[in-house]
Protein backbone atom coordinates (compact mmCIF):
# COMPACT_ATOMS: atom_id res chain seq x y z
CA MET A 1 34.23 57.98 -5.55
CA SER A 2 30.14 59.67 -4.69
CA LYS A 3 26.99 57.86 -4.01
CA ARG A 4 24.78 56.86 -6.69
CA ASP A 5 20.92 57.96 -5.67
CA TYR A 6 19.07 54.76 -4.04
CA TYR A 7 16.67 56.33 -5.86
CA GLU A 8 18.01 56.03 -9.23
CA LEU A 9 19.59 52.47 -8.59
CA LEU A 10 16.11 50.93 -7.58
CA GLY A 11 14.68 52.87 -10.71
CA VAL A 12 11.87 54.83 -8.53
CA ALA A 13 11.07 58.10 -8.19
CA LYS A 14 11.24 59.36 -4.81
CA GLY A 15 7.66 59.24 -3.59
CA ALA A 16 7.40 55.46 -4.27
CA SER A 17 5.92 53.45 -2.05
CA ALA A 18 7.04 50.61 -0.08
CA ASP A 19 5.35 47.45 -2.34
CA GLU A 20 6.49 49.66 -5.99
CA ILE A 21 10.74 49.57 -4.24
CA LYS A 22 10.38 46.52 -3.06
CA LYS A 23 8.73 45.33 -6.49
CA ALA A 24 11.78 47.18 -8.20
CA TYR A 25 13.66 45.74 -6.12
CA ARG A 26 13.11 42.17 -6.73
CA VAL A 27 13.61 42.93 -10.84
CA LYS A 28 16.84 44.00 -9.53
CA ALA A 29 18.21 41.61 -7.39
CA LYS A 30 17.28 39.27 -10.36
CA GLU A 31 19.01 40.94 -12.98
CA LEU A 32 22.48 42.00 -10.91
CA HIS A 33 22.17 38.72 -8.84
CA PRO A 34 26.29 36.92 -9.25
CA ASP A 35 25.02 33.93 -10.52
CA ARG A 36 22.98 35.12 -13.57
CA ASN A 37 26.23 37.34 -14.18
CA LYS A 38 29.27 34.90 -13.86
CA ASP A 39 31.31 36.47 -16.21
CA ASP A 40 30.45 40.36 -15.64
CA PRO A 41 32.93 40.83 -12.83
CA SER A 42 31.14 44.22 -12.03
CA ALA A 43 28.04 42.70 -11.49
CA GLU A 44 28.74 41.66 -7.68
CA SER A 45 29.30 45.03 -6.84
CA GLN A 46 26.06 46.59 -8.31
CA PHE A 47 24.34 44.07 -6.46
CA LYS A 48 25.41 45.13 -3.35
CA GLU A 49 24.82 48.60 -4.65
CA VAL A 50 20.95 47.28 -4.89
CA ASN A 51 21.08 45.97 -1.35
CA GLU A 52 21.89 49.09 0.47
CA ALA A 53 19.75 50.47 -1.39
CA TYR A 54 17.12 48.81 -0.47
CA GLU A 55 17.58 48.00 2.87
CA VAL A 56 17.44 52.07 3.63
CA LEU A 57 14.32 52.12 1.49
CA LYS A 58 12.44 49.87 2.99
CA ASP A 59 12.80 50.51 6.23
CA ALA A 60 10.39 54.36 6.79
CA ASP A 61 13.20 55.78 9.55
CA LYS A 62 15.70 55.26 7.41
CA LYS A 63 14.24 56.36 4.30
CA ALA A 64 12.68 58.89 6.30
CA ALA A 65 16.66 60.49 7.18
CA TYR A 66 17.97 59.77 3.64
CA ASP A 67 15.10 62.03 2.16
CA ARG A 68 15.60 64.78 4.03
CA PHE A 69 19.88 64.12 4.38
CA GLY A 70 20.65 62.29 1.41
CA HIS A 71 24.01 59.65 2.13
CA ALA A 72 25.26 62.17 5.04
CA ALA A 73 22.80 60.36 6.97
CA PHE A 74 24.64 57.53 7.59
CA GLU A 75 27.76 58.30 7.37
CA GLY A 76 30.57 57.13 10.02
CA GLY A 77 29.18 53.27 9.15
CA MET A 78 31.12 50.55 8.04
CA GLY A 79 31.24 51.10 4.66
CA GLY A 80 28.18 53.42 4.30
CA GLY A 81 26.04 50.75 4.35
CA GLY A 82 23.26 52.27 6.15
CA ALA A 83 21.56 53.15 10.27
CA ARG A 84 22.70 51.78 13.47
CA PRO A 85 20.79 52.61 16.52
CA GLY A 86 23.57 54.32 17.52
CA GLY A 87 24.84 55.81 14.40
CA GLY A 88 25.53 53.61 11.86
CA PHE A 89 24.66 49.52 11.21
CA GLY A 90 26.77 47.00 9.73
CA GLN A 91 26.70 46.10 5.89
CA GLN A 92 27.37 42.13 6.75
CA GLY A 93 24.11 42.00 8.93
CA ASP A 94 22.21 44.29 7.22
CA PHE A 95 23.05 42.60 3.26
CA ALA A 96 22.15 39.23 4.85
CA SER A 97 18.63 41.17 6.11
CA ALA A 98 18.37 42.50 2.34
CA PHE A 99 18.66 38.74 1.11
CA SER A 100 16.72 37.58 3.00
CA ASP A 101 13.68 38.21 2.20
CA VAL A 102 14.91 38.86 -2.26
CA PHE A 103 15.13 35.26 -1.53
CA ASP A 104 11.99 34.51 0.03
CA ASP A 105 10.59 35.80 -2.65
CA LEU A 106 11.92 34.94 -5.56
CA PHE A 107 12.37 31.13 -4.20
CA GLY A 108 9.93 30.72 -1.46
CA ASP A 109 7.05 29.89 -4.83
CA PHE A 110 9.55 27.62 -6.06
CA MET A 111 10.36 26.53 -2.49
CA GLY A 112 6.37 26.00 -1.74
CA GLY A 113 5.76 29.70 -0.61
CA ARG A 114 6.09 31.19 1.93
CA GLN A 115 4.37 30.25 5.61
CA GLY A 116 4.36 33.84 7.21
CA GLY A 117 3.95 31.40 10.28
CA ARG A 118 2.99 27.98 11.77
CA GLN A 119 1.52 25.09 9.55
CA ARG A 120 -1.53 24.35 9.54
CA ALA A 121 -2.56 21.33 11.35
CA ALA A 122 -1.82 17.86 9.24
CA ARG A 123 -4.48 16.78 7.70
CA GLY A 124 -5.43 12.92 7.53
CA ALA A 125 -3.81 10.49 5.03
CA ASP A 126 -6.47 9.67 2.20
CA LEU A 127 -7.53 6.38 2.33
CA ARG A 128 -8.21 3.09 -0.57
CA TYR A 129 -10.48 0.61 0.08
CA ASN A 130 -11.02 -2.39 -2.69
CA LEU A 131 -14.31 -3.55 -2.79
CA ARG A 132 -14.97 -6.78 -5.25
CA VAL A 133 -18.66 -7.39 -6.44
CA THR A 134 -20.87 -9.55 -8.45
CA LEU A 135 -22.25 -7.93 -12.84
CA GLU A 136 -25.53 -8.78 -10.67
CA ASP A 137 -24.23 -6.53 -8.14
CA ALA A 138 -22.77 -4.10 -10.91
CA TYR A 139 -26.37 -4.50 -13.38
CA THR A 140 -28.46 -3.08 -10.44
CA GLY A 141 -26.89 -0.92 -7.79
CA LEU A 142 -26.09 -1.94 -4.36
CA GLN A 143 -26.29 -0.62 -0.61
CA LYS A 144 -23.74 -2.42 0.59
CA THR A 145 -22.30 -1.68 4.68
CA ILE A 146 -17.87 -2.04 4.79
CA ASN A 147 -15.36 -1.86 7.41
CA VAL A 148 -12.83 -0.05 7.18
CA PRO A 149 -9.76 -0.03 9.53
CA THR A 150 -8.98 3.90 10.23
CA SER A 151 -7.52 6.82 12.63
CA VAL A 152 -10.48 8.13 14.23
CA GLN A 153 -10.59 11.43 16.89
CA CYS A 154 -10.32 10.48 20.21
CA GLY A 155 -13.19 11.18 22.15
CA ALA A 156 -10.93 11.83 25.36
CA CYS A 157 -9.19 14.92 23.71
CA HIS A 158 -11.65 15.96 21.25
CA GLY A 159 -8.52 16.17 18.87
CA SER A 160 -6.85 18.64 20.57
CA GLY A 161 -3.64 15.31 21.91
CA SER A 162 -4.54 17.31 25.14
CA GLU A 163 -5.54 15.79 28.10
CA GLY A 164 -8.73 16.62 29.16
CA GLY A 165 -8.66 18.20 25.80
CA ALA A 166 -7.04 21.36 26.82
CA GLU A 167 -5.58 23.44 24.12
CA PRO A 168 -1.63 23.72 23.18
CA THR A 169 0.79 26.17 24.56
CA THR A 170 2.59 28.46 21.88
CA CYS A 171 6.27 26.22 21.38
CA PRO A 172 8.42 28.88 23.34
CA THR A 173 11.87 27.60 20.32
CA CYS A 174 9.83 29.63 17.63
CA SER A 175 7.17 31.19 19.24
CA GLY A 176 4.42 29.67 17.44
CA MET A 177 5.72 30.58 13.67
CA GLY A 178 6.56 26.69 13.68
CA LYS A 179 10.26 27.65 11.79
CA VAL A 180 13.55 28.59 12.79
CA ARG A 181 16.11 30.84 11.62
CA ALA A 182 19.64 31.30 11.45
CA THR A 183 22.83 33.95 9.66
CA GLN A 184 25.10 31.87 8.01
CA GLY A 185 27.74 34.62 6.52
CA PHE A 186 25.59 36.28 3.78
CA PHE A 187 22.11 34.15 3.99
CA THR A 188 19.63 32.94 6.51
CA VAL A 189 18.13 29.53 6.55
CA GLU A 190 15.26 28.75 7.70
CA ARG A 191 14.16 25.78 8.47
CA THR A 192 11.35 24.02 10.44
CA CYS A 193 11.24 24.68 13.91
CA PRO A 194 12.75 20.84 15.26
CA THR A 195 10.51 21.39 18.76
CA CYS A 196 6.75 21.70 18.15
CA SER A 197 8.39 19.97 14.96
CA GLY A 198 6.36 23.60 12.76
CA LEU A 199 3.05 23.35 14.47
CA GLY A 200 3.40 26.08 17.03
CA GLN A 201 2.15 24.70 20.11
CA ILE A 202 3.54 22.10 21.83
CA ILE A 203 1.71 19.98 24.60
CA LYS A 204 2.58 20.35 27.75
CA ASN A 205 0.23 16.76 29.54
CA PRO A 206 -0.58 14.45 26.07
CA CYS A 207 -3.93 12.51 26.20
CA VAL A 208 -3.19 9.72 27.65
CA LYS A 209 -5.74 7.91 25.42
CA CYS A 210 -3.56 8.44 21.44
CA GLY A 211 -0.59 9.36 23.26
CA GLY A 212 -0.92 13.42 21.80
CA ALA A 213 -1.48 12.55 18.43
CA GLY A 214 -5.48 13.77 19.13
CA ARG A 215 -6.87 10.19 17.42
CA VAL A 216 -6.69 6.73 17.60
CA GLN A 217 -6.79 3.43 15.73
CA LYS A 218 -10.82 2.06 15.35
CA ASP A 219 -12.79 -0.14 12.66
CA ARG A 220 -15.62 2.15 11.29
CA ALA A 221 -18.67 0.57 9.32
CA LEU A 222 -19.80 2.36 6.60
CA SER A 223 -22.27 1.99 4.13
CA VAL A 224 -21.36 2.88 0.47
CA ASN A 225 -23.99 2.86 -2.20
CA ILE A 226 -22.88 0.78 -5.38
CA PRO A 227 -24.38 2.81 -8.84
CA ALA A 228 -25.66 -0.37 -11.33
CA GLY A 229 -23.17 0.33 -14.40
CA VAL A 230 -20.20 -0.07 -12.09
CA GLU A 231 -17.04 -1.93 -13.82
CA THR A 232 -13.78 -2.73 -12.32
CA GLY A 233 -11.85 0.43 -12.06
CA THR A 234 -14.85 2.56 -11.18
CA ARG A 235 -13.74 4.81 -7.98
CA ILE A 236 -15.54 6.31 -5.38
CA ARG A 237 -14.94 8.85 -3.14
CA LEU A 238 -16.15 9.34 -0.05
CA ALA A 239 -14.86 12.91 1.17
CA GLY A 240 -13.95 12.93 3.98
CA GLU A 241 -14.34 9.63 5.23
CA GLY A 242 -10.59 8.85 5.52
CA GLU A 243 -7.95 9.22 8.36
CA ALA A 244 -8.59 11.68 10.74
CA GLY A 245 -6.13 14.24 11.05
CA MET A 246 -3.32 15.15 13.66
CA ARG A 247 -4.72 17.04 16.59
CA GLY A 248 -7.33 18.39 15.23
CA GLY A 249 -6.58 18.63 11.67
CA PRO A 250 -8.97 17.93 8.70
CA PRO A 251 -9.60 14.25 7.74
CA GLY A 252 -8.75 13.14 4.44
CA ASP A 253 -11.34 11.08 1.82
CA LEU A 254 -12.28 7.48 1.35
CA TYR A 255 -11.58 5.84 -2.56
CA ILE A 256 -13.38 2.84 -3.36
CA PHE A 257 -11.89 0.95 -6.40
CA ILE A 258 -13.63 -1.28 -7.42
CA GLU A 259 -13.45 -4.83 -8.91
CA VAL A 260 -16.00 -6.66 -10.38
CA ALA A 261 -15.80 -10.54 -10.53
CA PRO A 262 -16.12 -12.54 -13.53
CA HIS A 263 -19.30 -14.21 -13.60
CA ASP A 264 -19.84 -18.08 -15.07
CA ILE A 265 -22.28 -17.22 -18.56
CA PHE A 266 -22.15 -13.55 -19.71
CA GLU A 267 -18.74 -11.99 -20.21
CA ARG A 268 -18.61 -7.99 -20.40
CA GLU A 269 -17.30 -5.62 -22.43
CA GLY A 270 -18.46 -2.70 -21.32
CA THR A 271 -21.92 -1.94 -21.49
CA GLU A 272 -22.06 -4.61 -23.74
CA LEU A 273 -22.45 -8.73 -23.10
CA HIS A 274 -21.73 -11.59 -24.88
CA CYS A 275 -22.97 -15.44 -23.93
CA ARG A 276 -21.89 -18.24 -25.95
CA VAL A 277 -24.82 -20.68 -26.24
CA PRO A 278 -24.35 -24.20 -27.61
CA VAL A 279 -26.67 -26.41 -29.68
CA SER A 280 -26.50 -29.26 -30.78
CA MET A 281 -25.55 -30.45 -34.81
CA THR A 282 -28.29 -31.00 -36.13
CA ALA A 283 -29.57 -27.61 -34.56
CA ALA A 284 -27.88 -25.77 -36.24
CA ALA A 285 -28.28 -27.47 -39.41
CA LEU A 286 -32.05 -27.68 -39.31
CA GLY A 287 -32.47 -24.23 -37.57
CA GLY A 288 -34.73 -23.33 -34.75
CA ASP A 289 -35.80 -21.50 -31.41
CA ILE A 290 -33.67 -22.37 -28.18
CA GLU A 291 -34.36 -20.31 -24.80
CA VAL A 292 -31.26 -18.10 -23.24
CA PRO A 293 -31.00 -16.61 -19.97
CA THR A 294 -30.61 -12.37 -19.71
CA MET A 295 -29.03 -10.79 -17.20
CA ASP A 296 -32.12 -9.06 -15.45
CA GLY A 297 -32.54 -12.78 -14.99
CA GLY A 298 -35.24 -12.96 -17.25
CA ARG A 299 -35.23 -15.32 -20.62
CA SER A 300 -35.50 -14.91 -24.14
CA ARG A 301 -36.09 -16.71 -27.23
CA VAL A 302 -33.95 -16.93 -30.23
CA LYS A 303 -34.67 -18.08 -33.55
CA ILE A 304 -31.42 -19.75 -35.04
CA PRO A 305 -31.66 -19.78 -39.05
CA ALA A 306 -30.93 -22.87 -40.99
CA GLY A 307 -27.34 -24.19 -41.16
CA SER A 308 -25.89 -21.55 -38.95
CA GLN A 309 -22.17 -22.05 -37.63
CA SER A 310 -20.04 -21.79 -35.36
CA GLY A 311 -19.28 -17.99 -33.83
CA ARG A 312 -22.13 -16.75 -36.00
CA GLN A 313 -24.26 -13.94 -33.22
CA MET A 314 -27.26 -12.42 -33.07
CA ARG A 315 -28.07 -9.22 -30.92
CA LEU A 316 -30.37 -8.64 -28.17
CA ARG A 317 -31.27 -4.73 -28.03
CA GLY A 318 -31.01 -3.43 -24.50
CA LYS A 319 -30.12 -6.53 -22.97
CA GLY A 320 -26.71 -5.47 -21.69
CA MET A 321 -25.10 -3.70 -18.59
CA PRO A 322 -26.11 -0.31 -17.52
CA ALA A 323 -23.95 2.84 -18.40
CA LEU A 324 -22.60 4.19 -15.05
CA ARG A 325 -24.86 7.28 -14.60
CA GLY A 326 -27.54 6.83 -16.82
CA GLY A 327 -26.04 6.10 -20.16
CA GLY A 328 -28.36 3.87 -21.02
CA VAL A 329 -28.25 0.31 -21.75
CA GLY A 330 -26.35 -1.87 -24.16
CA ASP A 331 -26.84 -4.64 -25.56
CA MET A 332 -26.42 -8.81 -25.89
CA PHE A 333 -24.61 -10.85 -27.98
CA ILE A 334 -25.15 -14.47 -28.01
CA GLU A 335 -22.98 -16.43 -30.03
CA LEU A 336 -23.22 -20.15 -31.15
CA ALA A 337 -20.89 -23.19 -30.36
CA VAL A 338 -21.98 -25.94 -32.48
CA GLU A 339 -20.88 -29.43 -30.88
CA THR A 340 -19.76 -32.09 -32.31
CA PRO A 341 -21.42 -34.81 -31.13
CA VAL A 342 -19.71 -38.14 -28.56
CA ASN A 343 -19.89 -41.47 -26.82
CA LEU A 344 -22.12 -42.24 -30.11
CA THR A 345 -23.77 -45.11 -30.80
CA SER A 346 -23.34 -47.79 -33.72
CA ARG A 347 -26.67 -47.01 -35.35
CA GLN A 348 -25.19 -43.92 -34.95
CA ARG A 349 -22.04 -44.11 -37.13
CA ASP A 350 -24.39 -46.06 -39.68
CA LEU A 351 -26.63 -43.19 -39.73
CA LEU A 352 -23.51 -39.95 -39.99
CA ARG A 353 -21.53 -42.55 -42.36
CA GLU A 354 -24.67 -43.06 -44.52
CA PHE A 355 -25.12 -39.73 -43.83
CA GLU A 356 -21.74 -38.32 -45.32
CA ALA A 357 -22.71 -40.16 -48.23
CA LEU A 358 -25.19 -37.87 -49.15
CA SER A 359 -23.52 -35.12 -47.75
CA GLU A 360 -22.04 -34.06 -51.14
CA ASP A 361 -23.26 -30.54 -51.51
CA ASN A 362 -24.22 -29.58 -47.82
CA ASN A 363 -20.83 -28.35 -47.34
CA PRO A 364 -19.92 -25.77 -48.97
CA GLU A 365 -17.37 -24.25 -47.68
CA SER A 366 -15.30 -27.35 -46.99
CA LYS A 367 -15.68 -28.22 -50.93
CA SER A 368 -14.08 -24.86 -51.67
CA PHE A 369 -11.56 -25.04 -49.30
CA PHE A 370 -10.19 -27.93 -50.13
CA SER A 371 -10.51 -26.76 -54.15
CA SER A 372 -8.06 -24.20 -53.09
CA VAL A 373 -5.96 -26.82 -51.45
CA LYS A 374 -5.82 -28.70 -55.13
CA GLY A 375 -4.76 -25.78 -56.83
CA PHE A 376 -2.51 -25.37 -55.07
CA TRP A 377 -0.88 -28.78 -54.34
CA ASP A 378 -0.96 -28.61 -58.66
CA SER A 379 0.81 -25.73 -58.80
CA MET A 380 3.46 -26.23 -56.63
CA LYS A 381 4.17 -29.71 -58.93
CA GLY A 382 3.94 -27.43 -61.83
């Protein structure tokens, strides 16, 4: 049976460019791959035909010979697969080469992309630093110096990893590509070079100080600007202040995570502050003025209405926490906690009993509650 025209197999015109041929091949290879056509017994033979056509047309010399003489240019080879250096080529070896190309194209993105050469010098790791600040610091903001244990560039070899700062040499195993290939049947397996670990370079004389890593351990003192309004969970990024990269690679980043310590007087909810203020029973009953602290260190006078109950809140506008990055200032809420007197003297007890006897109409909430209770009990009896 006569062979089909290679251009027809790939679905391109005779004058198609190399990019057009490669693109058409990728489409056909996806369409006819045996793994995708397990129910079609002819798919494998068609897939091999497409690979055979691509193996010829992707090579400029073979393509020129095919354009001039057609299939006759490759007669005498094993199975008509294509041209050997001496007049034909083995089908298996060239199929593996062609399949390696399409495998790279089809699956390179899923496997992290084709590197096309040695890896870049490894980037340094990002670092995390937990910083605890007071509520006062979070209110005003501050400049703070922190000590961070990290890896820094080796000064003896200037990060190269070689003694005296000498340049690394090209890896003899992978010739600087960082990867090696091995053909296994129809497949070409590519893996990281075991000699240079993918860097494409080796160090003959490692630096004595850093052992060839290009970096050493050291504590660094860094000045950090903590803006006003930070709260627990705020993250501050310092670009390039993380670990130094291996053998001159770029440094990572430093992330500072803020934790705001609890306060003895104030509780925080976002930009709001809450302050629980105890007041005496008589002050709550008679009303009056009290002084309360504010977060800026000042004082504010608050008027307590007569007959105030525990839990009553009063708002002080603009006395809360500043919002991060200039988003205004919140409010402060004063919550009254009416305090019951303890350690009473005999005289105080007598006065309270006398007051209780005269207080039948002074406790409306109690009167209402116990009236409801009485009605509940009466209904239960009925």
